[in-house]
């Protein structure tokens, strides 16, 4: 007897506004759309070859993520990074990171650990060559791989809803050489915890790792604060 299960399922593809959301999110995270500016909707429509409708759908999503603010009759503006924002987001993200590490150690496979080890080696090479942008890219892939190994979709949804704000804050704050070395060493500790499946220790290391990121960004904000902001 033929049932619905006998047909091959179709994989869902991203909609246009989802692709736009991803692209514009990256522009905000890497600073191509700078904090405090009005989003140039007309220019973005021309650049991506789209109409205003999918673009505005994308802007609404980014506003819910805290990357933009929408003002009636004034359009969308790129949110500024503030100490209040850091104090709100980073503790929550730290708790999610800690939980992802704990769960990952329960569920991760040897193959997954092997793939993360390959990524870790790539990241270390970028560190040694002082390739910060490439370092950040691989670093993010490592954290995403740990999240995937946690096997918890609810956790993943909450994590990704905040991840762009954390990435953006980290991206704008140039790390000192000492902090960069410390971060790379912390990633070596992360690998050790994964390979021994020490979830309790990995939870602590991941939370500490994010706290150190927060210290770096906070110092950057202090150093770059204008007198009018004080």
N, C-alpha and C. Protein backbone atom coordinates (compact mmCIF):
# COMPACT_ATOMS: atom_id res chain seq x y z
N UNK A 1 0.86 -1.20 0.00
CA UNK A 1 0.00 0.00 0.00
C UNK A 1 0.89 1.24 0.00
N UNK A 2 0.52 2.19 -0.83
CA UNK A 2 1.30 3.42 -0.92
C UNK A 2 0.89 4.37 0.19
N UNK A 3 1.87 4.90 0.89
CA UNK A 3 1.61 5.89 1.94
C UNK A 3 2.41 7.14 1.64
N UNK A 4 2.15 8.18 2.44
CA UNK A 4 2.87 9.45 2.26
C UNK A 4 4.36 9.26 2.50
N UNK A 5 4.71 8.28 3.34
CA UNK A 5 6.12 8.06 3.66
C UNK A 5 6.89 7.41 2.53
N UNK A 6 6.18 6.88 1.52
CA UNK A 6 6.86 6.21 0.42
C UNK A 6 7.42 7.19 -0.59
N UNK A 7 7.04 8.46 -0.50
CA UNK A 7 7.57 9.46 -1.40
C UNK A 7 8.78 10.12 -0.77
N UNK A 8 9.72 10.51 -1.60
CA UNK A 8 10.94 11.12 -1.10
C UNK A 8 10.66 12.55 -0.66
N UNK A 9 11.06 12.94 0.55
CA UNK A 9 10.78 14.29 1.02
C UNK A 9 11.60 15.32 0.27
N UNK A 10 11.03 16.49 0.10
CA UNK A 10 11.76 17.59 -0.55
C UNK A 10 12.47 18.39 0.54
N UNK A 11 13.74 18.71 0.31
CA UNK A 11 14.47 19.49 1.28
C UNK A 11 14.09 20.96 1.13
N UNK A 12 13.91 21.60 2.27
CA UNK A 12 13.50 23.00 2.26
C UNK A 12 14.69 23.89 1.90
N UNK A 13 14.47 24.79 0.98
CA UNK A 13 15.50 25.74 0.61
C UNK A 13 15.19 27.09 1.25
N UNK A 14 16.24 27.88 1.44
CA UNK A 14 16.04 29.19 2.05
C UNK A 14 15.24 30.09 1.11
N UNK A 15 14.35 30.87 1.73
CA UNK A 15 13.59 31.85 0.95
C UNK A 15 14.50 33.03 0.64
N UNK A 16 14.02 33.90 -0.23
CA UNK A 16 14.81 35.07 -0.62
C UNK A 16 15.08 35.95 0.59
N UNK A 17 14.07 36.18 1.41
CA UNK A 17 14.30 37.09 2.53
C UNK A 17 15.23 36.46 3.57
N UNK A 18 15.27 35.12 3.65
CA UNK A 18 16.21 34.46 4.55
C UNK A 18 17.64 34.63 4.05
N UNK A 19 17.83 34.51 2.74
CA UNK A 19 19.16 34.73 2.17
C UNK A 19 19.60 36.18 2.37
N UNK A 20 18.67 37.10 2.19
CA UNK A 20 18.98 38.51 2.43
C UNK A 20 19.34 38.76 3.89
N UNK A 21 18.58 38.12 4.78
CA UNK A 21 18.84 38.27 6.21
C UNK A 21 20.26 37.83 6.53
N UNK A 22 20.66 36.68 6.01
CA UNK A 22 22.01 36.17 6.26
C UNK A 22 23.07 37.14 5.72
N UNK A 23 22.84 37.64 4.51
CA UNK A 23 23.83 38.51 3.87
C UNK A 23 23.97 39.84 4.61
N UNK A 24 22.85 40.44 4.97
CA UNK A 24 22.89 41.74 5.65
C UNK A 24 23.41 41.58 7.07
N UNK A 25 23.08 40.46 7.71
CA UNK A 25 23.61 40.19 9.05
C UNK A 25 25.14 40.20 9.02
N UNK A 26 25.71 39.56 8.01
CA UNK A 26 27.17 39.51 7.89
C UNK A 26 27.74 40.90 7.66
N UNK A 27 27.03 41.73 6.89
CA UNK A 27 27.50 43.09 6.67
C UNK A 27 27.54 43.89 7.97
N UNK A 28 26.57 43.63 8.84
CA UNK A 28 26.54 44.32 10.14
C UNK A 28 27.63 43.77 11.05
N UNK A 29 27.76 42.45 11.09
CA UNK A 29 28.74 41.82 11.97
C UNK A 29 30.16 42.25 11.61
N UNK A 30 30.48 42.29 10.31
CA UNK A 30 31.86 42.62 9.93
C UNK A 30 32.11 44.12 9.76
N UNK A 31 31.06 44.93 10.01
CA UNK A 31 31.26 46.37 10.02
C UNK A 31 31.05 47.06 8.69
N UNK A 32 30.67 46.33 7.64
CA UNK A 32 30.38 46.99 6.36
C UNK A 32 29.19 47.95 6.51
N UNK A 33 28.24 47.57 7.36
CA UNK A 33 27.17 48.49 7.76
C UNK A 33 27.50 48.91 9.19
N UNK A 34 28.01 50.11 9.34
CA UNK A 34 28.56 50.54 10.63
C UNK A 34 27.48 50.91 11.63
N UNK A 35 27.82 50.78 12.91
CA UNK A 35 26.89 51.13 13.98
C UNK A 35 26.48 52.58 13.88
N UNK A 36 25.18 52.82 14.08
CA UNK A 36 24.67 54.19 14.11
C UNK A 36 24.23 54.74 12.78
N UNK A 37 24.47 54.03 11.66
CA UNK A 37 24.07 54.57 10.36
C UNK A 37 22.67 54.11 9.99
N UNK A 38 22.05 54.87 9.13
CA UNK A 38 20.77 54.45 8.59
C UNK A 38 21.01 53.42 7.50
N UNK A 39 20.23 52.36 7.50
CA UNK A 39 20.40 51.30 6.51
C UNK A 39 19.99 51.84 5.13
N UNK A 40 20.90 51.79 4.15
CA UNK A 40 20.59 52.33 2.81
C UNK A 40 19.74 51.35 2.01
N UNK A 41 18.44 51.36 2.24
CA UNK A 41 17.55 50.36 1.64
C UNK A 41 17.62 50.37 0.12
N UNK A 42 17.60 51.55 -0.48
CA UNK A 42 17.62 51.63 -1.94
C UNK A 42 18.91 51.01 -2.49
N UNK A 43 20.03 51.34 -1.87
CA UNK A 43 21.31 50.81 -2.33
C UNK A 43 21.38 49.29 -2.18
N UNK A 44 20.83 48.78 -1.07
CA UNK A 44 20.84 47.33 -0.85
C UNK A 44 19.95 46.62 -1.86
N UNK A 45 18.81 47.21 -2.17
CA UNK A 45 17.92 46.62 -3.18
C UNK A 45 18.63 46.53 -4.53
N UNK A 46 19.34 47.58 -4.88
CA UNK A 46 20.08 47.59 -6.14
C UNK A 46 21.21 46.57 -6.11
N UNK A 47 21.94 46.53 -5.01
CA UNK A 47 23.10 45.63 -4.89
C UNK A 47 22.68 44.17 -4.98
N UNK A 48 21.58 43.82 -4.30
CA UNK A 48 21.14 42.43 -4.29
C UNK A 48 20.12 42.12 -5.38
N UNK A 49 19.67 43.13 -6.10
CA UNK A 49 18.72 42.90 -7.18
C UNK A 49 17.36 42.44 -6.69
N UNK A 50 16.87 43.06 -5.61
CA UNK A 50 15.58 42.67 -5.03
C UNK A 50 14.69 43.88 -4.85
N UNK A 51 13.43 43.61 -4.56
CA UNK A 51 12.48 44.69 -4.28
C UNK A 51 12.51 45.03 -2.79
N UNK A 52 11.78 46.05 -2.41
CA UNK A 52 11.75 46.48 -1.02
C UNK A 52 11.07 45.45 -0.11
N UNK A 53 10.14 44.66 -0.65
CA UNK A 53 9.37 43.74 0.21
C UNK A 53 10.24 42.70 0.90
N UNK A 54 11.02 41.88 0.18
CA UNK A 54 11.87 40.91 0.88
C UNK A 54 12.95 41.58 1.72
N UNK A 55 13.43 42.74 1.28
CA UNK A 55 14.45 43.44 2.06
C UNK A 55 13.89 43.85 3.42
N UNK A 56 12.69 44.39 3.43
CA UNK A 56 12.10 44.84 4.70
C UNK A 56 11.74 43.67 5.60
N UNK A 57 11.40 42.53 5.01
CA UNK A 57 11.19 41.33 5.81
C UNK A 57 12.49 40.94 6.51
N UNK A 58 13.60 41.05 5.80
CA UNK A 58 14.91 40.73 6.36
C UNK A 58 15.26 41.71 7.47
N UNK A 59 14.97 42.98 7.27
CA UNK A 59 15.29 44.00 8.28
C UNK A 59 14.49 43.77 9.56
N UNK A 60 13.26 43.31 9.42
CA UNK A 60 12.45 43.01 10.60
C UNK A 60 13.07 41.89 11.43
N UNK A 61 13.58 40.86 10.76
CA UNK A 61 14.23 39.75 11.46
C UNK A 61 15.46 40.26 12.20
N UNK A 62 16.26 41.07 11.54
CA UNK A 62 17.49 41.59 12.15
C UNK A 62 17.18 42.52 13.31
N UNK A 63 16.04 43.17 13.26
CA UNK A 63 15.63 44.02 14.38
C UNK A 63 15.29 43.17 15.60
N UNK A 64 14.64 42.02 15.38
CA UNK A 64 14.33 41.13 16.50
C UNK A 64 15.60 40.55 17.11
N UNK A 65 16.68 40.46 16.32
CA UNK A 65 17.96 39.96 16.83
C UNK A 65 18.75 41.04 17.55
N UNK A 66 18.25 42.27 17.53
CA UNK A 66 18.93 43.36 18.21
C UNK A 66 20.02 44.03 17.40
N UNK A 67 20.14 43.69 16.12
CA UNK A 67 21.18 44.29 15.29
C UNK A 67 20.73 45.60 14.65
N UNK A 68 19.42 45.77 14.54
CA UNK A 68 18.85 46.98 13.96
C UNK A 68 17.77 47.53 14.87
N UNK A 69 17.47 48.81 14.68
CA UNK A 69 16.28 49.40 15.29
C UNK A 69 15.43 49.97 14.16
N UNK A 70 14.13 49.74 14.23
CA UNK A 70 13.21 50.24 13.21
C UNK A 70 12.46 51.43 13.78
N UNK A 71 12.52 52.55 13.07
CA UNK A 71 11.88 53.77 13.54
C UNK A 71 10.81 54.19 12.53
N UNK A 72 9.59 54.42 13.00
CA UNK A 72 8.50 54.82 12.09
C UNK A 72 8.88 56.05 11.27
N UNK A 73 8.68 55.94 9.97
CA UNK A 73 8.94 57.04 9.02
C UNK A 73 10.41 57.44 8.92
N UNK A 74 11.30 56.68 9.58
CA UNK A 74 12.73 57.01 9.51
C UNK A 74 13.57 55.84 9.03
N UNK A 75 12.96 54.66 8.88
CA UNK A 75 13.69 53.52 8.37
C UNK A 75 14.40 52.72 9.43
N UNK A 76 15.37 51.95 9.01
CA UNK A 76 16.12 51.06 9.90
C UNK A 76 17.51 51.64 10.16
N UNK A 77 17.96 51.49 11.40
CA UNK A 77 19.27 52.00 11.80
C UNK A 77 20.07 50.88 12.45
N UNK A 78 21.36 50.84 12.17
CA UNK A 78 22.22 49.82 12.76
C UNK A 78 22.43 50.16 14.24
N UNK A 79 22.12 49.20 15.09
CA UNK A 79 22.23 49.43 16.54
C UNK A 79 23.69 49.64 16.94
N UNK A 80 23.89 50.47 17.95
CA UNK A 80 25.22 50.67 18.51
C UNK A 80 25.51 49.60 19.54
N UNK A 81 26.77 49.30 19.72
CA UNK A 81 27.18 48.37 20.76
C UNK A 81 27.38 49.16 22.05
N UNK A 82 26.70 48.77 23.10
CA UNK A 82 26.80 49.48 24.38
C UNK A 82 27.15 48.51 25.50
N UNK A 83 27.62 49.06 26.61
CA UNK A 83 27.93 48.21 27.76
C UNK A 83 26.67 47.55 28.28
N UNK A 84 25.54 48.26 28.18
CA UNK A 84 24.27 47.67 28.62
C UNK A 84 23.92 46.44 27.78
N UNK A 85 24.17 46.55 26.48
CA UNK A 85 23.91 45.42 25.58
C UNK A 85 24.82 44.24 25.92
N UNK A 86 26.07 44.53 26.18
CA UNK A 86 27.02 43.48 26.54
C UNK A 86 26.59 42.77 27.82
N UNK A 87 26.21 43.57 28.81
CA UNK A 87 25.83 42.99 30.10
C UNK A 87 24.55 42.18 30.02
N UNK A 88 23.73 42.46 29.02
CA UNK A 88 22.49 41.72 28.83
C UNK A 88 22.72 40.42 28.07
N UNK A 89 23.55 40.49 27.02
CA UNK A 89 23.69 39.36 26.10
C UNK A 89 24.73 38.34 26.57
N UNK A 90 25.90 38.81 27.00
CA UNK A 90 27.00 37.88 27.25
C UNK A 90 26.73 36.88 28.38
N UNK A 91 26.11 37.26 29.49
CA UNK A 91 25.83 36.24 30.52
C UNK A 91 24.89 35.14 30.02
N UNK A 92 23.89 35.52 29.23
CA UNK A 92 22.97 34.52 28.67
C UNK A 92 23.71 33.62 27.71
N UNK A 93 24.53 34.23 26.84
CA UNK A 93 25.29 33.43 25.88
C UNK A 93 26.28 32.52 26.60
N UNK A 94 26.85 33.01 27.71
CA UNK A 94 27.77 32.18 28.47
C UNK A 94 27.09 30.94 29.01
N UNK A 95 25.86 31.10 29.49
CA UNK A 95 25.11 29.95 30.01
C UNK A 95 24.79 28.96 28.89
N UNK A 96 24.45 29.48 27.71
CA UNK A 96 24.15 28.61 26.58
C UNK A 96 25.40 27.88 26.10
N UNK A 97 26.52 28.59 26.05
CA UNK A 97 27.79 27.96 25.66
C UNK A 97 28.13 26.83 26.63
N UNK A 98 27.98 27.10 27.92
CA UNK A 98 28.31 26.10 28.94
C UNK A 98 27.44 24.85 28.77
N UNK A 99 26.15 25.06 28.55
CA UNK A 99 25.24 23.93 28.38
C UNK A 99 25.57 23.16 27.10
N UNK A 100 25.91 23.89 26.03
CA UNK A 100 26.23 23.20 24.78
C UNK A 100 27.44 22.30 24.95
N UNK A 101 28.43 22.76 25.71
CA UNK A 101 29.61 21.94 25.96
C UNK A 101 29.30 20.70 26.78
N UNK A 102 28.48 20.89 27.79
CA UNK A 102 28.10 19.75 28.65
C UNK A 102 27.35 18.68 27.86
N UNK A 103 26.39 19.13 27.04
CA UNK A 103 25.60 18.18 26.25
C UNK A 103 26.44 17.56 25.13
N UNK A 104 27.32 18.36 24.54
CA UNK A 104 28.14 17.84 23.45
C UNK A 104 29.00 16.67 23.92
N UNK A 105 29.54 16.77 25.12
CA UNK A 105 30.39 15.69 25.61
C UNK A 105 29.61 14.39 25.83
N UNK A 106 28.30 14.50 25.98
CA UNK A 106 27.47 13.31 26.14
C UNK A 106 27.17 12.65 24.80
N UNK A 107 27.11 13.45 23.73
CA UNK A 107 26.60 12.95 22.47
C UNK A 107 27.61 12.91 21.33
N UNK A 108 28.71 13.61 21.45
CA UNK A 108 29.64 13.77 20.33
C UNK A 108 30.26 12.43 19.93
N UNK A 109 30.47 12.27 18.63
CA UNK A 109 31.07 11.05 18.11
C UNK A 109 32.57 11.27 17.88
N UNK A 110 33.28 10.16 17.70
CA UNK A 110 34.70 10.26 17.41
C UNK A 110 34.95 11.01 16.11
N UNK A 111 34.11 10.78 15.12
CA UNK A 111 34.26 11.47 13.84
C UNK A 111 34.09 12.98 14.00
N UNK A 112 33.11 13.38 14.80
CA UNK A 112 32.88 14.80 15.04
C UNK A 112 34.08 15.43 15.75
N UNK A 113 34.61 14.73 16.74
CA UNK A 113 35.80 15.24 17.43
C UNK A 113 36.96 15.39 16.45
N UNK A 114 37.10 14.42 15.55
CA UNK A 114 38.15 14.49 14.54
C UNK A 114 38.00 15.70 13.65
N UNK A 115 36.77 16.00 13.24
CA UNK A 115 36.55 17.17 12.36
C UNK A 115 36.81 18.46 13.11
N UNK A 116 36.46 18.51 14.38
CA UNK A 116 36.73 19.72 15.16
C UNK A 116 38.23 19.88 15.38
N UNK A 117 38.95 18.78 15.56
CA UNK A 117 40.40 18.85 15.70
C UNK A 117 41.04 19.42 14.44
N UNK A 118 40.53 19.02 13.26
CA UNK A 118 41.03 19.59 12.00
C UNK A 118 40.80 21.09 11.96
N UNK A 119 39.59 21.52 12.34
CA UNK A 119 39.29 22.95 12.39
C UNK A 119 40.22 23.67 13.36
N UNK A 120 40.46 23.04 14.50
CA UNK A 120 41.33 23.65 15.51
C UNK A 120 42.74 23.87 14.94
N UNK A 121 43.25 22.91 14.23
CA UNK A 121 44.58 23.05 13.63
C UNK A 121 44.61 24.18 12.61
N UNK A 122 43.51 24.29 11.83
CA UNK A 122 43.43 25.39 10.86
C UNK A 122 43.43 26.73 11.59
N UNK A 123 42.67 26.81 12.68
CA UNK A 123 42.58 28.04 13.45
C UNK A 123 43.94 28.44 14.02
N UNK A 124 44.68 27.46 14.53
CA UNK A 124 46.01 27.74 15.09
C UNK A 124 46.94 28.26 14.00
N UNK A 125 46.85 27.71 12.79
CA UNK A 125 47.68 28.20 11.69
C UNK A 125 47.36 29.65 11.37
N UNK A 126 46.08 30.01 11.39
CA UNK A 126 45.70 31.40 11.15
C UNK A 126 46.22 32.30 12.27
N UNK A 127 46.22 31.78 13.50
CA UNK A 127 46.77 32.54 14.62
C UNK A 127 48.27 32.78 14.41
N UNK A 128 48.98 31.75 14.03
CA UNK A 128 50.42 31.86 13.83
C UNK A 128 50.77 32.83 12.71
N UNK A 129 49.89 32.92 11.68
CA UNK A 129 50.11 33.83 10.56
C UNK A 129 49.48 35.20 10.81
N UNK A 130 48.86 35.36 11.98
CA UNK A 130 48.18 36.61 12.36
C UNK A 130 47.10 37.00 11.36
N UNK A 131 46.34 35.99 10.91
CA UNK A 131 45.23 36.21 9.99
C UNK A 131 43.94 36.25 10.81
N UNK A 132 43.62 37.42 11.33
CA UNK A 132 42.54 37.53 12.31
C UNK A 132 41.18 37.18 11.73
N UNK A 133 40.87 37.68 10.54
CA UNK A 133 39.55 37.42 9.95
C UNK A 133 39.35 35.93 9.71
N UNK A 134 40.37 35.25 9.18
CA UNK A 134 40.27 33.82 8.94
C UNK A 134 40.22 33.05 10.25
N UNK A 135 40.95 33.54 11.24
CA UNK A 135 40.91 32.94 12.57
C UNK A 135 39.50 32.98 13.13
N UNK A 136 38.85 34.14 13.04
CA UNK A 136 37.49 34.29 13.55
C UNK A 136 36.53 33.36 12.82
N UNK A 137 36.71 33.23 11.51
CA UNK A 137 35.81 32.39 10.72
C UNK A 137 35.87 30.93 11.18
N UNK A 138 37.07 30.40 11.33
CA UNK A 138 37.21 29.01 11.76
C UNK A 138 36.80 28.85 13.21
N UNK A 139 37.12 29.85 14.03
CA UNK A 139 36.70 29.85 15.43
C UNK A 139 35.19 29.66 15.55
N UNK A 140 34.45 30.41 14.75
CA UNK A 140 33.00 30.31 14.77
C UNK A 140 32.52 28.93 14.35
N UNK A 141 33.19 28.35 13.36
CA UNK A 141 32.81 27.01 12.90
C UNK A 141 33.02 25.97 14.01
N UNK A 142 34.03 26.16 14.82
CA UNK A 142 34.27 25.25 15.94
C UNK A 142 33.13 25.33 16.95
N UNK A 143 32.74 26.54 17.30
CA UNK A 143 31.64 26.69 18.27
C UNK A 143 30.33 26.16 17.71
N UNK A 144 30.11 26.35 16.41
CA UNK A 144 28.91 25.81 15.77
C UNK A 144 28.93 24.28 15.79
N UNK A 145 30.10 23.69 15.59
CA UNK A 145 30.22 22.23 15.60
C UNK A 145 29.93 21.66 16.99
N UNK A 146 30.38 22.36 18.02
CA UNK A 146 30.08 21.92 19.38
C UNK A 146 28.59 22.02 19.64
N UNK A 147 27.98 23.11 19.18
CA UNK A 147 26.54 23.28 19.34
C UNK A 147 25.78 22.17 18.64
N UNK A 148 26.21 21.82 17.43
CA UNK A 148 25.55 20.75 16.70
C UNK A 148 25.67 19.42 17.43
N UNK A 149 26.84 19.18 18.02
CA UNK A 149 27.06 17.92 18.75
C UNK A 149 26.21 17.82 20.00
N UNK A 150 25.69 18.95 20.50
CA UNK A 150 24.85 18.94 21.70
C UNK A 150 23.51 18.25 21.46
N UNK A 151 23.08 18.18 20.18
CA UNK A 151 21.85 17.48 19.81
C UNK A 151 20.61 18.05 20.53
N UNK A 152 20.53 19.38 20.58
CA UNK A 152 19.40 20.00 21.27
C UNK A 152 18.94 21.20 20.44
N UNK A 153 17.84 21.03 19.71
CA UNK A 153 17.38 22.06 18.80
C UNK A 153 16.91 23.32 19.53
N UNK A 154 16.29 23.14 20.70
CA UNK A 154 15.85 24.31 21.46
C UNK A 154 17.04 25.17 21.86
N UNK A 155 18.09 24.52 22.33
CA UNK A 155 19.32 25.23 22.67
C UNK A 155 19.90 25.93 21.45
N UNK A 156 19.91 25.25 20.32
CA UNK A 156 20.48 25.82 19.10
C UNK A 156 19.72 27.07 18.66
N UNK A 157 18.41 27.04 18.76
CA UNK A 157 17.60 28.20 18.36
C UNK A 157 17.92 29.41 19.24
N UNK A 158 17.97 29.19 20.55
CA UNK A 158 18.28 30.29 21.46
C UNK A 158 19.69 30.80 21.25
N UNK A 159 20.62 29.89 21.04
CA UNK A 159 22.02 30.25 20.83
C UNK A 159 22.16 31.14 19.59
N UNK A 160 21.56 30.70 18.49
CA UNK A 160 21.73 31.43 17.24
C UNK A 160 21.01 32.77 17.24
N UNK A 161 20.00 32.91 18.08
CA UNK A 161 19.30 34.20 18.17
C UNK A 161 20.19 35.28 18.78
N UNK A 162 21.20 34.87 19.53
CA UNK A 162 22.11 35.83 20.16
C UNK A 162 23.51 35.85 19.53
N UNK A 163 23.82 34.82 18.76
CA UNK A 163 25.18 34.64 18.27
C UNK A 163 25.69 35.83 17.46
N UNK A 164 24.84 36.41 16.62
CA UNK A 164 25.30 37.51 15.76
C UNK A 164 25.71 38.72 16.60
N UNK A 165 24.99 38.99 17.69
CA UNK A 165 25.35 40.13 18.53
C UNK A 165 26.69 39.91 19.21
N UNK A 166 26.96 38.68 19.62
CA UNK A 166 28.24 38.36 20.24
C UNK A 166 29.36 38.44 19.21
N UNK A 167 29.13 37.86 18.03
CA UNK A 167 30.14 37.90 16.97
C UNK A 167 30.46 39.33 16.57
N UNK A 168 29.44 40.15 16.48
CA UNK A 168 29.66 41.53 16.08
C UNK A 168 30.51 42.27 17.11
N UNK A 169 30.19 42.09 18.38
CA UNK A 169 30.96 42.74 19.44
C UNK A 169 32.41 42.28 19.41
N UNK A 170 32.61 40.98 19.21
CA UNK A 170 33.96 40.43 19.17
C UNK A 170 34.72 40.94 17.97
N UNK A 171 34.02 41.11 16.85
CA UNK A 171 34.66 41.49 15.60
C UNK A 171 35.22 42.92 15.67
N UNK A 172 34.47 43.83 16.30
CA UNK A 172 34.90 45.23 16.31
C UNK A 172 36.05 45.47 17.28
N UNK A 173 36.18 44.63 18.29
CA UNK A 173 37.19 44.85 19.33
C UNK A 173 38.46 44.09 18.99
N UNK A 174 39.46 44.82 18.50
CA UNK A 174 40.71 44.17 18.14
C UNK A 174 41.38 43.60 19.38
N UNK A 175 41.75 42.31 19.31
CA UNK A 175 42.38 41.67 20.44
C UNK A 175 43.85 42.06 20.54
N UNK A 176 44.34 42.20 21.76
CA UNK A 176 45.78 42.35 21.96
C UNK A 176 46.44 41.01 21.66
N UNK A 177 47.74 41.05 21.45
CA UNK A 177 48.46 39.80 21.20
C UNK A 177 48.36 38.86 22.39
N UNK A 178 48.38 39.41 23.61
CA UNK A 178 48.26 38.57 24.81
C UNK A 178 46.90 37.90 24.87
N UNK A 179 45.85 38.66 24.56
CA UNK A 179 44.51 38.09 24.61
C UNK A 179 44.32 37.05 23.51
N UNK A 180 44.90 37.31 22.35
CA UNK A 180 44.78 36.36 21.24
C UNK A 180 45.46 35.04 21.62
N UNK A 181 46.63 35.14 22.23
CA UNK A 181 47.34 33.93 22.67
C UNK A 181 46.52 33.19 23.72
N UNK A 182 45.91 33.95 24.63
CA UNK A 182 45.09 33.34 25.67
C UNK A 182 43.88 32.63 25.07
N UNK A 183 43.24 33.26 24.09
CA UNK A 183 42.07 32.66 23.45
C UNK A 183 42.44 31.37 22.73
N UNK A 184 43.60 31.37 22.07
CA UNK A 184 44.03 30.17 21.37
C UNK A 184 44.33 29.04 22.35
N UNK A 185 44.94 29.39 23.48
CA UNK A 185 45.20 28.39 24.52
C UNK A 185 43.89 27.84 25.08
N UNK A 186 42.89 28.71 25.25
CA UNK A 186 41.59 28.25 25.75
C UNK A 186 40.96 27.26 24.77
N UNK A 187 41.17 27.48 23.48
CA UNK A 187 40.64 26.54 22.50
C UNK A 187 41.36 25.19 22.57
N UNK A 188 42.62 25.20 22.94
CA UNK A 188 43.32 23.93 23.14
C UNK A 188 42.69 23.18 24.33
N UNK A 189 42.33 23.93 25.37
CA UNK A 189 41.64 23.31 26.51
C UNK A 189 40.28 22.76 26.10
N UNK A 190 39.59 23.49 25.22
CA UNK A 190 38.30 23.01 24.72
C UNK A 190 38.47 21.68 24.01
N UNK A 191 39.51 21.57 23.18
CA UNK A 191 39.76 20.32 22.47
C UNK A 191 40.05 19.18 23.46
N UNK A 192 40.84 19.45 24.47
CA UNK A 192 41.16 18.41 25.46
C UNK A 192 39.90 17.90 26.15
N UNK A 193 39.01 18.82 26.49
CA UNK A 193 37.76 18.43 27.15
C UNK A 193 36.89 17.59 26.23
N UNK A 194 36.82 17.96 24.96
CA UNK A 194 36.04 17.18 24.01
C UNK A 194 36.60 15.78 23.85
N UNK A 195 37.91 15.69 23.72
CA UNK A 195 38.54 14.40 23.48
C UNK A 195 38.44 13.47 24.69
N UNK A 196 38.37 14.04 25.89
CA UNK A 196 38.18 13.22 27.09
C UNK A 196 36.72 13.14 27.50
N UNK A 197 35.88 13.88 26.74
CA UNK A 197 34.44 13.95 27.03
C UNK A 197 34.18 14.38 28.47
N UNK A 198 34.91 15.41 28.87
CA UNK A 198 34.76 15.97 30.21
C UNK A 198 33.81 17.16 30.13
N UNK A 199 32.50 16.85 30.20
CA UNK A 199 31.49 17.88 30.03
C UNK A 199 31.51 18.93 31.12
N UNK A 200 31.78 18.54 32.34
CA UNK A 200 31.78 19.49 33.46
C UNK A 200 32.88 20.53 33.27
N UNK A 201 34.07 20.05 32.92
CA UNK A 201 35.19 20.98 32.72
C UNK A 201 34.97 21.83 31.47
N UNK A 202 34.46 21.22 30.39
CA UNK A 202 34.23 21.99 29.17
C UNK A 202 33.22 23.10 29.41
N UNK A 203 32.21 22.84 30.21
CA UNK A 203 31.23 23.86 30.55
C UNK A 203 31.90 25.07 31.18
N UNK A 204 32.83 24.80 32.09
CA UNK A 204 33.54 25.89 32.78
C UNK A 204 34.44 26.64 31.80
N UNK A 205 35.17 25.90 30.96
CA UNK A 205 36.11 26.53 30.03
C UNK A 205 35.37 27.41 29.02
N UNK A 206 34.27 26.93 28.48
CA UNK A 206 33.51 27.71 27.50
C UNK A 206 32.95 28.99 28.11
N UNK A 207 32.46 28.88 29.33
CA UNK A 207 31.92 30.07 29.99
C UNK A 207 33.03 31.07 30.27
N UNK A 208 34.18 30.59 30.73
CA UNK A 208 35.32 31.46 30.98
C UNK A 208 35.81 32.11 29.68
N UNK A 209 35.82 31.32 28.60
CA UNK A 209 36.24 31.81 27.29
C UNK A 209 35.39 33.01 26.87
N UNK A 210 34.10 32.92 27.07
CA UNK A 210 33.21 34.03 26.69
C UNK A 210 33.37 35.21 27.63
N UNK A 211 33.61 34.96 28.91
CA UNK A 211 33.83 36.05 29.85
C UNK A 211 35.06 36.86 29.47
N UNK A 212 36.09 36.18 28.98
CA UNK A 212 37.29 36.88 28.54
C UNK A 212 37.01 37.70 27.28
N UNK A 213 36.15 37.19 26.40
CA UNK A 213 35.75 37.97 25.23
C UNK A 213 35.04 39.25 25.68
N UNK A 214 34.18 39.11 26.69
CA UNK A 214 33.46 40.26 27.20
C UNK A 214 34.42 41.31 27.74
N UNK A 215 35.44 40.88 28.46
CA UNK A 215 36.43 41.82 28.99
C UNK A 215 37.12 42.58 27.87
N UNK A 216 37.43 41.87 26.78
CA UNK A 216 38.10 42.51 25.64
C UNK A 216 37.21 43.57 25.00
N UNK A 217 35.94 43.21 24.77
CA UNK A 217 35.02 44.16 24.14
C UNK A 217 34.73 45.33 25.05
N UNK A 218 34.58 45.07 26.33
CA UNK A 218 34.31 46.15 27.29
C UNK A 218 35.46 47.16 27.30
N UNK A 219 36.68 46.65 27.29
CA UNK A 219 37.83 47.55 27.27
C UNK A 219 37.87 48.36 26.00
N UNK A 220 37.51 47.71 24.87
CA UNK A 220 37.46 48.44 23.61
C UNK A 220 36.44 49.58 23.67
N UNK A 221 35.29 49.31 24.28
CA UNK A 221 34.27 50.35 24.40
C UNK A 221 34.77 51.51 25.25
N UNK A 222 35.46 51.20 26.33
CA UNK A 222 35.99 52.24 27.21
C UNK A 222 37.02 53.09 26.46
N UNK A 223 37.91 52.41 25.73
CA UNK A 223 38.98 53.12 25.02
C UNK A 223 38.44 53.97 23.89
N UNK A 224 37.29 53.58 23.31
CA UNK A 224 36.76 54.30 22.15
C UNK A 224 35.54 55.15 22.48
N UNK A 225 35.25 55.31 23.76
CA UNK A 225 34.10 56.12 24.15
C UNK A 225 34.40 57.59 23.96
N UNK A 226 33.50 58.28 23.26
CA UNK A 226 33.67 59.71 23.06
C UNK A 226 33.23 60.46 24.30
N UNK A 227 33.72 61.70 24.51
CA UNK A 227 33.32 62.48 25.68
C UNK A 227 31.82 62.65 25.81
N UNK A 228 31.12 62.76 24.69
CA UNK A 228 29.67 62.94 24.74
C UNK A 228 28.96 61.69 25.22
N UNK A 229 29.63 60.52 25.10
CA UNK A 229 29.01 59.27 25.54
C UNK A 229 29.25 58.99 27.02
N UNK A 230 30.23 59.68 27.57
CA UNK A 230 30.62 59.41 28.96
C UNK A 230 29.57 59.86 29.94
